[in-house]
């Protein structure tokens, strides 16, 4: 069985080493050093990782992340490349489920911050693996959107979401939809069909965590 979480991790680490610690990412204000430190916190500091999603813990999580980011670059990237076996999100039982989407998105965060980037031709298995989390993200992120919104990934599936009303259609491959629904609309290659005001609202909505 292909290990897409591992291959995306390796590709991300190789790219970060190639570009260096000060390269930009799609995450506004974050360099590759910031992103690497975020991944280390997520996998190695369960005391602080909750701050990624829980506002009351964000201050503590950010302090921990900044301390980790101060480590030598080669050491920091090495920690990303070799996650601990005890990690709740990166042990052999959870790695593929917890990290395929995570490392695909962050790999693209670095790739798509560079001039002249182009979408990758993803393996069919990876596209299929990304559809389920993308569909779950759509249900979570768009359930209150003021439209009858049809989300389609041709060849993989579709779903309807939103509060109803005017019809809007969001179309893209699973990976592009995942990027769009995680708040990276400006770099996601998707098609939005419907009224211009609603489409613009969707493209600028606050999505993701």
Protein backbone atom coordinates (compact mmCIF):
# COMPACT_ATOMS: atom_id res chain seq x y z
CA UNK A 1 0.00 0.00 0.00
CA UNK A 2 1.42 3.42 -0.92
CA UNK A 3 2.45 5.51 2.07
CA UNK A 4 1.41 8.96 0.91
CA UNK A 5 1.94 10.58 4.30
CA UNK A 6 5.58 9.50 4.23
CA UNK A 7 6.16 10.53 0.61
CA UNK A 8 4.60 13.97 1.16
CA UNK A 9 6.67 14.42 4.33
CA UNK A 10 9.89 13.51 2.54
CA UNK A 11 9.11 15.80 -0.39
CA UNK A 12 8.32 18.69 1.95
CA UNK A 13 11.49 18.23 3.96
CA UNK A 14 13.64 17.99 0.82
CA UNK A 15 12.06 21.17 -0.53
CA UNK A 16 12.56 23.05 2.74
CA UNK A 17 16.22 22.06 2.81
CA UNK A 18 16.59 23.20 -0.80
CA UNK A 19 14.97 26.58 -0.17
CA UNK A 20 16.35 27.30 3.29
CA UNK A 21 14.78 28.53 6.54
CA UNK A 22 13.71 31.96 5.31
CA UNK A 23 11.68 30.98 2.26
CA UNK A 24 8.06 32.20 2.20
CA UNK A 25 5.04 29.96 2.55
CA UNK A 26 1.39 30.41 1.64
CA UNK A 27 0.68 30.95 5.36
CA UNK A 28 0.88 34.72 5.68
CA UNK A 29 3.81 35.79 7.83
CA UNK A 30 5.30 32.30 8.10
CA UNK A 31 8.61 31.19 6.65
CA UNK A 32 9.70 27.61 6.15
CA UNK A 33 11.30 27.80 9.61
CA UNK A 34 7.96 28.74 11.16
CA UNK A 35 6.21 25.91 9.34
CA UNK A 36 8.80 23.35 10.39
CA UNK A 37 8.46 24.42 14.03
CA UNK A 38 4.68 24.11 13.78
CA UNK A 39 5.02 20.52 12.58
CA UNK A 40 7.42 19.68 15.41
CA UNK A 41 4.97 21.06 17.98
CA UNK A 42 2.12 19.07 16.45
CA UNK A 43 4.04 15.79 16.61
CA UNK A 44 6.34 16.13 19.60
CA UNK A 45 4.68 18.50 22.06
CA UNK A 46 1.20 17.21 22.94
CA UNK A 47 1.15 19.69 25.85
CA UNK A 48 1.19 22.54 23.31
CA UNK A 49 -0.34 20.96 20.21
CA UNK A 50 -3.86 21.64 21.47
CA UNK A 51 -3.20 25.32 20.94
CA UNK A 52 -3.31 24.74 17.18
CA UNK A 53 -7.10 24.42 17.44
CA UNK A 54 -8.03 25.66 20.94
CA UNK A 55 -7.88 29.48 21.33
CA UNK A 56 -7.20 29.46 25.12
CA UNK A 57 -3.99 27.48 24.52
CA UNK A 58 -2.70 29.41 21.53
CA UNK A 59 -0.46 31.75 23.49
CA UNK A 60 1.36 28.86 25.14
CA UNK A 61 1.56 26.92 21.89
CA UNK A 62 3.04 29.92 20.11
CA UNK A 63 5.70 30.40 22.79
CA UNK A 64 6.69 26.76 22.48
CA UNK A 65 6.74 27.01 18.69
CA UNK A 66 9.02 30.05 18.77
CA UNK A 67 11.49 28.31 21.08
CA UNK A 68 11.57 25.29 18.80
CA UNK A 69 11.98 27.52 15.73
CA UNK A 70 15.19 28.91 17.21
CA UNK A 71 16.95 25.55 16.84
CA UNK A 72 19.58 25.12 14.11
CA UNK A 73 17.89 24.65 10.75
CA UNK A 74 19.31 21.21 9.97
CA UNK A 75 18.28 19.95 13.40
CA UNK A 76 14.79 21.42 13.09
CA UNK A 77 14.16 19.88 9.67
CA UNK A 78 15.58 16.59 10.89
CA UNK A 79 12.92 16.52 13.60
CA UNK A 80 10.25 16.89 10.92
CA UNK A 81 11.75 14.14 8.78
CA UNK A 82 11.94 11.63 11.65
CA UNK A 83 8.81 11.82 13.84
CA UNK A 84 8.84 9.89 17.12
CA UNK A 85 7.16 6.49 17.18
CA UNK A 86 5.24 7.48 20.31
CA UNK A 87 3.58 10.50 18.68
CA UNK A 88 -0.24 10.29 18.78
CA UNK A 89 -0.43 11.57 15.20
CA UNK A 90 2.67 10.01 13.64
CA UNK A 91 3.02 6.47 14.94
CA UNK A 92 2.72 3.61 12.44
CA UNK A 93 -0.97 3.09 13.24
CA UNK A 94 -2.05 6.72 12.79
CA UNK A 95 0.46 8.18 10.35
CA UNK A 96 -1.39 7.63 7.08
CA UNK A 97 -4.75 8.72 8.46
CA UNK A 98 -3.52 11.75 10.40
CA UNK A 99 -0.77 13.01 8.12
CA UNK A 100 -1.60 12.47 4.45
CA UNK A 101 -3.74 15.61 4.25
CA UNK A 102 -1.53 17.53 6.70
CA UNK A 103 1.68 17.03 4.75
CA UNK A 104 0.06 17.40 1.34
CA UNK A 105 -1.27 20.82 2.34
CA UNK A 106 1.99 21.98 3.92
CA UNK A 107 4.02 20.69 0.98
CA UNK A 108 1.83 22.85 -1.24
CA UNK A 109 2.18 25.76 1.21
CA UNK A 110 5.86 25.84 0.34
CA UNK A 111 5.57 24.94 -3.35
CA UNK A 112 2.88 27.51 -4.11
CA UNK A 113 4.65 30.37 -2.39
CA UNK A 114 7.39 30.20 -5.04
CA UNK A 115 7.16 32.08 -8.32
CA UNK A 116 6.11 30.07 -11.33
CA UNK A 117 4.60 27.14 -9.44
CA UNK A 118 2.32 24.72 -11.25
CA UNK A 119 -0.07 22.10 -9.84
CA UNK A 120 1.37 18.63 -9.58
CA UNK A 121 -0.06 15.63 -11.42
CA UNK A 122 -0.92 13.65 -8.30
CA UNK A 123 -1.07 9.85 -8.28
CA UNK A 124 -4.61 8.52 -8.61
CA UNK A 125 -4.32 6.86 -5.22
CA UNK A 126 -3.41 10.12 -3.51
CA UNK A 127 -6.27 11.96 -5.20
CA UNK A 128 -8.66 9.27 -3.98
CA UNK A 129 -7.17 9.40 -0.47
CA UNK A 130 -7.69 13.17 -0.30
CA UNK A 131 -11.37 13.13 -1.28
CA UNK A 132 -12.74 11.88 2.05
CA UNK A 133 -11.03 14.53 4.20
CA UNK A 134 -11.87 17.19 1.61
CA UNK A 135 -15.56 16.20 1.76
CA UNK A 136 -15.50 16.31 5.57
CA UNK A 137 -13.88 19.74 5.43
CA UNK A 138 -16.61 20.93 3.07
CA UNK A 139 -19.35 19.81 5.45
CA UNK A 140 -17.66 21.50 8.40
CA UNK A 141 -16.55 24.72 6.72
CA UNK A 142 -19.56 25.41 4.51
CA UNK A 143 -22.55 24.17 6.50
CA UNK A 144 -23.57 27.76 7.29
CA UNK A 145 -22.72 29.25 3.91
CA UNK A 146 -25.79 31.14 2.59
CA UNK A 147 -26.32 29.13 -0.57
CA UNK A 148 -27.28 25.72 -1.91
CA UNK A 149 -23.65 24.76 -2.53
CA UNK A 150 -22.72 21.73 -4.61
CA UNK A 151 -19.12 20.58 -4.10
CA UNK A 152 -17.85 18.30 -6.86
CA UNK A 153 -14.63 16.37 -7.37
CA UNK A 154 -15.13 14.79 -10.82
CA UNK A 155 -14.42 11.08 -10.72
CA UNK A 156 -14.48 10.99 -6.92
CA UNK A 157 -17.78 12.28 -5.63
CA UNK A 158 -19.96 15.23 -4.78
CA UNK A 159 -21.98 16.59 -1.88
CA UNK A 160 -24.48 19.34 -1.15
CA UNK A 161 -23.93 21.70 1.75
CA UNK A 162 -24.94 25.16 2.89
CA UNK A 163 -28.07 26.76 4.31
CA UNK A 164 -29.94 26.77 1.02
CA UNK A 165 -31.01 29.47 -1.35
CA UNK A 166 -29.25 30.43 -4.54
CA UNK A 167 -27.31 27.64 -6.23
CA UNK A 168 -23.50 27.72 -6.26
CA UNK A 169 -21.09 25.06 -7.52
CA UNK A 170 -17.50 24.46 -6.37
CA UNK A 171 -15.54 22.10 -8.63
CA UNK A 172 -11.99 20.83 -8.37
CA UNK A 173 -9.78 17.83 -7.81
CA UNK A 174 -9.70 16.55 -4.21
CA UNK A 175 -6.34 18.15 -3.50
CA UNK A 176 -7.38 21.53 -4.86
CA UNK A 177 -10.63 21.38 -2.89
CA UNK A 178 -8.70 20.53 0.27
CA UNK A 179 -6.49 23.57 -0.24
CA UNK A 180 -9.49 25.80 -0.92
CA UNK A 181 -11.43 24.54 2.11
CA UNK A 182 -8.44 24.92 4.41
CA UNK A 183 -8.41 28.67 3.77
CA UNK A 184 -5.96 28.72 0.88
CA UNK A 185 -8.46 29.92 -1.70
CA UNK A 186 -6.04 32.27 -3.44
CA UNK A 187 -3.74 29.43 -4.54
CA UNK A 188 -6.31 26.68 -5.11
CA UNK A 189 -7.14 25.82 -8.73
CA UNK A 190 -10.90 25.38 -8.50
CA UNK A 191 -13.93 26.51 -10.47
CA UNK A 192 -16.77 28.40 -8.78
CA UNK A 193 -20.02 28.65 -10.77
CA UNK A 194 -22.87 30.90 -9.73
CA UNK A 195 -23.61 34.55 -9.13
CA UNK A 196 -20.53 36.75 -8.96
CA UNK A 197 -21.31 38.17 -5.49
CA UNK A 198 -21.77 34.71 -3.95
CA UNK A 199 -18.72 33.30 -5.72
CA UNK A 200 -16.63 36.22 -4.49
CA UNK A 201 -17.93 35.73 -0.97
CA UNK A 202 -16.92 32.06 -1.07
CA UNK A 203 -13.47 32.88 -2.41
CA UNK A 204 -12.87 35.30 0.46
CA UNK A 205 -14.64 33.42 3.26
CA UNK A 206 -12.75 32.55 6.42
CA UNK A 207 -12.29 28.80 6.01
CA UNK A 208 -10.12 26.25 7.75
CA UNK A 209 -8.90 26.38 11.35
